[in-house]
């Protein structure tokens, strides 16, 4: 047995088919409990409500646009007055508070990141390894992370990737060798201390 349609469009298609079928085949279906004329009236009511909803949605979108434009216009004027007040008050916080404003915060110098933490290699395969770690708990905010690698036990550390988030998937890695990885957080102020190391053999 067929299942009743779930989407609005499918329901409308079925309703139109039922109205037409019951109207054109009274000999086959002489006494349906809901007459096709009544279904047709219900269809008209649905279409009217749908059109009203479409109109209301369009009006809502227009109202939101008007609200956003009015807010933006007000913000521009507020910023103009704030610039005047800041210039007039000469950074006097008491005078600025008279309009609910505060003096500008002095910029703090960016510091280099701290040590990246808890480096792990939870997944690895044929020539690839997935690394993840935790951001430093101190120091300046990292803008990126250097992924470094060396061959154990005394190979030279080399940069092999740069990551924005605290994870990286490295492919085309040397196979059959003891490889050691570490992470260094960096920003414009400098580099943080290297993380713990993680050894893998791919």
C-alpha atoms as a PDB file:
ATOM      1  CA  UNK A   1       0.000   0.000   0.000  1.00  0.00           C
ATOM      2  CA  UNK A   2       1.239   3.471  -0.845  1.00  0.00           C
ATOM      3  CA  UNK A   3       2.304   5.808   1.959  1.00  0.00           C
ATOM      4  CA  UNK A   4       0.850   9.255   2.420  1.00  0.00           C
ATOM      5  CA  UNK A   5       3.203  11.971   1.116  1.00  0.00           C
ATOM      6  CA  UNK A   6       5.169  13.999   3.647  1.00  0.00           C
ATOM      7  CA  UNK A   7       6.265  17.110   1.798  1.00  0.00           C
ATOM      8  CA  UNK A   8       3.945  20.022   1.163  1.00  0.00           C
ATOM      9  CA  UNK A   9       4.467  19.905  -2.591  1.00  0.00           C
ATOM     10  CA  UNK A  10       3.692  16.179  -2.754  1.00  0.00           C
ATOM     11  CA  UNK A  11       0.535  16.638  -0.666  1.00  0.00           C
ATOM     12  CA  UNK A  12      -0.703  19.370  -3.034  1.00  0.00           C
ATOM     13  CA  UNK A  13      -0.079  17.157  -6.071  1.00  0.00           C
ATOM     14  CA  UNK A  14      -2.018  14.299  -4.486  1.00  0.00           C
ATOM     15  CA  UNK A  15      -4.869  16.625  -3.442  1.00  0.00           C
ATOM     16  CA  UNK A  16      -5.261  17.926  -7.003  1.00  0.00           C
ATOM     17  CA  UNK A  17      -5.246  14.367  -8.337  1.00  0.00           C
ATOM     18  CA  UNK A  18      -7.909  13.342  -5.808  1.00  0.00           C
ATOM     19  CA  UNK A  19     -10.136  16.331  -6.612  1.00  0.00           C
ATOM     20  CA  UNK A  20      -9.934  15.645 -10.334  1.00  0.00           C
ATOM     21  CA  UNK A  21     -10.320  11.874  -9.945  1.00  0.00           C
ATOM     22  CA  UNK A  22     -13.340  12.050  -7.630  1.00  0.00           C
ATOM     23  CA  UNK A  23     -15.002  14.733  -9.807  1.00  0.00           C
ATOM     24  CA  UNK A  24     -14.514  12.813 -13.060  1.00  0.00           C
ATOM     25  CA  UNK A  25     -15.380   9.368 -11.730  1.00  0.00           C
ATOM     26  CA  UNK A  26     -18.647   9.676  -9.809  1.00  0.00           C
ATOM     27  CA  UNK A  27     -19.798   6.346 -11.194  1.00  0.00           C
ATOM     28  CA  UNK A  28     -16.866   4.619  -9.557  1.00  0.00           C
ATOM     29  CA  UNK A  29     -16.879   6.722  -6.377  1.00  0.00           C
ATOM     30  CA  UNK A  30     -20.478   7.927  -5.947  1.00  0.00           C
ATOM     31  CA  UNK A  31     -20.380   8.826  -2.231  1.00  0.00           C
ATOM     32  CA  UNK A  32     -16.961   9.830  -0.902  1.00  0.00           C
ATOM     33  CA  UNK A  33     -17.176  10.989   2.739  1.00  0.00           C
ATOM     34  CA  UNK A  34     -15.451  14.257   1.754  1.00  0.00           C
ATOM     35  CA  UNK A  35     -16.859  15.535  -1.529  1.00  0.00           C
ATOM     36  CA  UNK A  36     -14.407  16.821  -4.150  1.00  0.00           C
ATOM     37  CA  UNK A  37     -16.045  20.258  -3.956  1.00  0.00           C
ATOM     38  CA  UNK A  38     -15.183  20.391  -0.258  1.00  0.00           C
ATOM     39  CA  UNK A  39     -11.620  19.306  -0.962  1.00  0.00           C
ATOM     40  CA  UNK A  40     -11.439  22.027  -3.603  1.00  0.00           C
ATOM     41  CA  UNK A  41     -12.587  24.593  -1.029  1.00  0.00           C
ATOM     42  CA  UNK A  42      -9.903  23.365   1.357  1.00  0.00           C
ATOM     43  CA  UNK A  43      -7.339  23.661  -1.434  1.00  0.00           C
ATOM     44  CA  UNK A  44      -8.374  27.282  -2.053  1.00  0.00           C
ATOM     45  CA  UNK A  45      -8.059  28.025   1.673  1.00  0.00           C
ATOM     46  CA  UNK A  46      -4.583  26.459   1.710  1.00  0.00           C
ATOM     47  CA  UNK A  47      -3.436  28.468  -1.328  1.00  0.00           C
ATOM     48  CA  UNK A  48      -4.736  31.695   0.213  1.00  0.00           C
ATOM     49  CA  UNK A  49      -2.900  30.944   3.465  1.00  0.00           C
ATOM     50  CA  UNK A  50       0.268  30.054   1.559  1.00  0.00           C
ATOM     51  CA  UNK A  51       0.165  33.309  -0.402  1.00  0.00           C
ATOM     52  CA  UNK A  52      -0.391  35.223   2.835  1.00  0.00           C
ATOM     53  CA  UNK A  53       2.622  33.488   4.387  1.00  0.00           C
ATOM     54  CA  UNK A  54       4.772  34.365   1.367  1.00  0.00           C
ATOM     55  CA  UNK A  55       3.661  37.999   1.585  1.00  0.00           C
ATOM     56  CA  UNK A  56       4.319  38.064   5.340  1.00  0.00           C
ATOM     57  CA  UNK A  57       7.804  36.598   4.845  1.00  0.00           C
ATOM     58  CA  UNK A  58       8.582  39.223   2.210  1.00  0.00           C
ATOM     59  CA  UNK A  59       7.314  41.954   4.537  1.00  0.00           C
ATOM     60  CA  UNK A  60       9.424  40.540   7.388  1.00  0.00           C
ATOM     61  CA  UNK A  61      12.558  40.536   5.210  1.00  0.00           C
ATOM     62  CA  UNK A  62      11.855  44.134   4.181  1.00  0.00           C
ATOM     63  CA  UNK A  63      11.311  45.129   7.823  1.00  0.00           C
ATOM     64  CA  UNK A  64      14.571  43.492   8.906  1.00  0.00           C
ATOM     65  CA  UNK A  65      16.444  45.277   6.104  1.00  0.00           C
ATOM     66  CA  UNK A  66      14.907  48.595   7.117  1.00  0.00           C
ATOM     67  CA  UNK A  67      15.795  47.936  10.769  1.00  0.00           C
ATOM     68  CA  UNK A  68      19.420  47.098   9.899  1.00  0.00           C
ATOM     69  CA  UNK A  69      19.763  50.189   7.706  1.00  0.00           C
ATOM     70  CA  UNK A  70      18.307  52.418  10.440  1.00  0.00           C
ATOM     71  CA  UNK A  71      20.685  50.913  13.001  1.00  0.00           C
ATOM     72  CA  UNK A  72      23.678  51.396  10.712  1.00  0.00           C
ATOM     73  CA  UNK A  73      22.661  55.025  10.107  1.00  0.00           C
ATOM     74  CA  UNK A  74      22.392  55.620  13.859  1.00  0.00           C
ATOM     75  CA  UNK A  75      25.748  53.924  14.521  1.00  0.00           C
ATOM     76  CA  UNK A  76      27.463  56.206  11.996  1.00  0.00           C
ATOM     77  CA  UNK A  77      26.096  59.271  13.784  1.00  0.00           C
ATOM     78  CA  UNK A  78      27.008  57.863  17.213  1.00  0.00           C
ATOM     79  CA  UNK A  79      30.595  57.274  16.092  1.00  0.00           C
ATOM     80  CA  UNK A  80      30.780  60.853  14.829  1.00  0.00           C
ATOM     81  CA  UNK A  81      29.683  62.166  18.235  1.00  0.00           C
ATOM     82  CA  UNK A  82      32.030  59.790  20.058  1.00  0.00           C
ATOM     83  CA  UNK A  83      34.971  61.078  18.030  1.00  0.00           C
ATOM     84  CA  UNK A  84      33.953  64.631  18.980  1.00  0.00           C
ATOM     85  CA  UNK A  85      33.609  63.724  22.667  1.00  0.00           C
ATOM     86  CA  UNK A  86      36.962  61.910  22.760  1.00  0.00           C
ATOM     87  CA  UNK A  87      38.661  64.876  21.134  1.00  0.00           C
ATOM     88  CA  UNK A  88      36.970  67.329  23.497  1.00  0.00           C
ATOM     89  CA  UNK A  89      37.418  65.322  26.706  1.00  0.00           C
ATOM     90  CA  UNK A  90      41.105  64.619  26.013  1.00  0.00           C
ATOM     91  CA  UNK A  91      40.793  61.067  27.375  1.00  0.00           C
ATOM     92  CA  UNK A  92      39.294  62.284  30.660  1.00  0.00           C
ATOM     93  CA  UNK A  93      37.442  59.154  31.778  1.00  0.00           C
ATOM     94  CA  UNK A  94      35.035  61.097  34.041  1.00  0.00           C
ATOM     95  CA  UNK A  95      33.937  63.308  31.153  1.00  0.00           C
ATOM     96  CA  UNK A  96      33.636  60.334  28.819  1.00  0.00           C
ATOM     97  CA  UNK A  97      31.433  58.512  31.338  1.00  0.00           C
ATOM     98  CA  UNK A  98      28.935  61.369  31.072  1.00  0.00           C
ATOM     99  CA  UNK A  99      27.788  59.839  27.773  1.00  0.00           C
ATOM    100  CA  UNK A 100      28.298  56.218  28.800  1.00  0.00           C
ATOM    101  CA  UNK A 101      31.676  55.954  27.064  1.00  0.00           C
ATOM    102  CA  UNK A 102      35.093  54.945  28.375  1.00  0.00           C
ATOM    103  CA  UNK A 103      38.631  55.952  27.535  1.00  0.00           C
ATOM    104  CA  UNK A 104      40.419  53.829  25.008  1.00  0.00           C
ATOM    105  CA  UNK A 105      42.265  50.858  26.432  1.00  0.00           C
ATOM    106  CA  UNK A 106      45.980  50.985  25.957  1.00  0.00           C
ATOM    107  CA  UNK A 107      47.222  48.267  23.685  1.00  0.00           C
ATOM    108  CA  UNK A 108      49.116  45.504  25.370  1.00  0.00           C
ATOM    109  CA  UNK A 109      52.216  44.249  23.645  1.00  0.00           C
ATOM    110  CA  UNK A 110      51.880  40.863  21.988  1.00  0.00           C
ATOM    111  CA  UNK A 111      53.979  38.203  23.659  1.00  0.00           C
ATOM    112  CA  UNK A 112      55.262  34.992  22.162  1.00  0.00           C
ATOM    113  CA  UNK A 113      53.205  31.859  22.777  1.00  0.00           C
ATOM    114  CA  UNK A 114      53.909  29.375  25.513  1.00  0.00           C
ATOM    115  CA  UNK A 115      54.622  25.681  25.070  1.00  0.00           C
ATOM    116  CA  UNK A 116      52.253  23.567  22.975  1.00  0.00           C
ATOM    117  CA  UNK A 117      50.960  20.656  25.031  1.00  0.00           C
ATOM    118  CA  UNK A 118      49.994  16.981  24.913  1.00  0.00           C
ATOM    119  CA  UNK A 119      51.117  16.106  21.395  1.00  0.00           C
ATOM    120  CA  UNK A 120      49.718  12.716  20.323  1.00  0.00           C
ATOM    121  CA  UNK A 121      49.637  10.588  17.173  1.00  0.00           C
ATOM    122  CA  UNK A 122      46.342   8.719  17.620  1.00  0.00           C
ATOM    123  CA  UNK A 123      46.041   7.579  13.989  1.00  0.00           C
ATOM    124  CA  UNK A 124      48.615   6.552  11.422  1.00  0.00           C
ATOM    125  CA  UNK A 125      48.919   4.417   8.322  1.00  0.00           C
ATOM    126  CA  UNK A 126      51.062   3.649   5.295  1.00  0.00           C
ATOM    127  CA  UNK A 127      53.168   6.783   4.963  1.00  0.00           C
ATOM    128  CA  UNK A 128      50.806   9.089   6.859  1.00  0.00           C
ATOM    129  CA  UNK A 129      50.207  10.201  10.408  1.00  0.00           C
ATOM    130  CA  UNK A 130      47.555  12.294  12.156  1.00  0.00           C
ATOM    131  CA  UNK A 131      48.808  14.514  14.969  1.00  0.00           C
ATOM    132  CA  UNK A 132      46.856  16.518  17.492  1.00  0.00           C
ATOM    133  CA  UNK A 133      47.863  18.657  20.440  1.00  0.00           C
ATOM    134  CA  UNK A 134      46.670  21.318  22.872  1.00  0.00           C
ATOM    135  CA  UNK A 135      47.238  25.056  22.590  1.00  0.00           C
ATOM    136  CA  UNK A 136      49.649  26.665  25.058  1.00  0.00           C
ATOM    137  CA  UNK A 137      48.134  27.501  28.423  1.00  0.00           C
ATOM    138  CA  UNK A 138      50.167  30.689  28.745  1.00  0.00           C
ATOM    139  CA  UNK A 139      51.832  33.336  26.625  1.00  0.00           C
ATOM    140  CA  UNK A 140      50.418  35.173  23.624  1.00  0.00           C
ATOM    141  CA  UNK A 141      47.795  33.690  21.330  1.00  0.00           C
ATOM    142  CA  UNK A 142      49.327  31.523  18.578  1.00  0.00           C
ATOM    143  CA  UNK A 143      48.649  32.504  14.990  1.00  0.00           C
ATOM    144  CA  UNK A 144      49.918  29.162  13.669  1.00  0.00           C
ATOM    145  CA  UNK A 145      51.817  26.026  14.624  1.00  0.00           C
ATOM    146  CA  UNK A 146      55.022  24.645  13.111  1.00  0.00           C
ATOM    147  CA  UNK A 147      55.084  20.875  12.775  1.00  0.00           C
ATOM    148  CA  UNK A 148      58.660  19.641  13.013  1.00  0.00           C
ATOM    149  CA  UNK A 149      60.179  16.225  12.349  1.00  0.00           C
ATOM    150  CA  UNK A 150      63.481  14.460  12.707  1.00  0.00           C
ATOM    151  CA  UNK A 151      64.802  10.936  12.319  1.00  0.00           C
ATOM    152  CA  UNK A 152      65.686   9.340  15.610  1.00  0.00           C
ATOM    153  CA  UNK A 153      67.914   9.313  17.486  1.00  0.00           C
ATOM    154  CA  UNK A 154      69.952  12.370  16.500  1.00  0.00           C
ATOM    155  CA  UNK A 155      68.519  13.699  13.237  1.00  0.00           C
ATOM    156  CA  UNK A 156      68.175  17.435  12.633  1.00  0.00           C
ATOM    157  CA  UNK A 157      64.791  18.966  13.337  1.00  0.00           C
ATOM    158  CA  UNK A 158      63.108  20.317  10.188  1.00  0.00           C
ATOM    159  CA  UNK A 159      59.819  22.105   9.520  1.00  0.00           C
ATOM    160  CA  UNK A 160      57.476  19.780   7.619  1.00  0.00           C
ATOM    161  CA  UNK A 161      54.091  21.566   7.868  1.00  0.00           C
ATOM    162  CA  UNK A 162      52.251  24.576   9.203  1.00  0.00           C
ATOM    163  CA  UNK A 163      48.849  24.258  10.882  1.00  0.00           C
ATOM    164  CA  UNK A 164      46.282  26.844  11.873  1.00  0.00           C
ATOM    165  CA  UNK A 165      44.308  24.529  14.138  1.00  0.00           C
ATOM    166  CA  UNK A 166      45.753  22.203  16.760  1.00  0.00           C
ATOM    167  CA  UNK A 167      45.864  19.175  14.475  1.00  0.00           C
ATOM    168  CA  UNK A 168      47.501  18.087  11.237  1.00  0.00           C
ATOM    169  CA  UNK A 169      47.516  15.108   8.884  1.00  0.00           C
ATOM    170  CA  UNK A 170      50.924  14.542   7.288  1.00  0.00           C
ATOM    171  CA  UNK A 171      51.204  12.438   4.135  1.00  0.00           C
ATOM    172  CA  UNK A 172      54.143  11.073   2.131  1.00  0.00           C
ATOM    173  CA  UNK A 173      56.162  10.577   5.302  1.00  0.00           C
ATOM    174  CA  UNK A 174      59.279   8.342   5.298  1.00  0.00           C
ATOM    175  CA  UNK A 175      58.463   4.692   5.865  1.00  0.00           C
ATOM    176  CA  UNK A 176      60.205   2.154   8.035  1.00  0.00           C
ATOM    177  CA  UNK A 177      62.120   4.747  10.074  1.00  0.00           C
ATOM    178  CA  UNK A 178      61.806   5.956  13.623  1.00  0.00           C
ATOM    179  CA  UNK A 179      60.404   9.452  13.197  1.00  0.00           C
ATOM    180  CA  UNK A 180      59.982  11.988  15.955  1.00  0.00           C
ATOM    181  CA  UNK A 181      57.578  14.932  15.773  1.00  0.00           C
ATOM    182  CA  UNK A 182      57.124  18.084  17.855  1.00  0.00           C
ATOM    183  CA  UNK A 183      55.005  21.239  17.675  1.00  0.00           C
ATOM    184  CA  UNK A 184      56.026  24.884  18.071  1.00  0.00           C
ATOM    185  CA  UNK A 185      53.411  27.631  18.443  1.00  0.00           C
ATOM    186  CA  UNK A 186      54.247  30.896  16.673  1.00  0.00           C
ATOM    187  CA  UNK A 187      52.923  34.446  16.370  1.00  0.00           C
ATOM    188  CA  UNK A 188      54.354  37.833  15.357  1.00  0.00           C
ATOM    189  CA  UNK A 189      56.196  38.128  18.667  1.00  0.00           C
ATOM    190  CA  UNK A 190      58.114  34.909  18.187  1.00  0.00           C
ATOM    191  CA  UNK A 191      58.059  31.173  18.842  1.00  0.00           C
ATOM    192  CA  UNK A 192      57.027  29.238  21.908  1.00  0.00           C
ATOM    193  CA  UNK A 193      58.824  26.335  23.517  1.00  0.00           C
ATOM    194  CA  UNK A 194      58.585  23.074  21.605  1.00  0.00           C
ATOM    195  CA  UNK A 195      56.004  20.540  22.744  1.00  0.00           C
ATOM    196  CA  UNK A 196      56.689  17.049  23.961  1.00  0.00           C
ATOM    197  CA  UNK A 197      57.837  14.726  21.196  1.00  0.00           C
ATOM    198  CA  UNK A 198      55.922  11.844  19.637  1.00  0.00           C
ATOM    199  CA  UNK A 199      57.688   8.905  18.007  1.00  0.00           C
ATOM    200  CA  UNK A 200      56.158   6.823  15.197  1.00  0.00           C
ATOM    201  CA  UNK A 201      57.254   4.209  12.680  1.00  0.00           C
ATOM    202  CA  UNK A 202      55.148   4.274   9.501  1.00  0.00           C
END
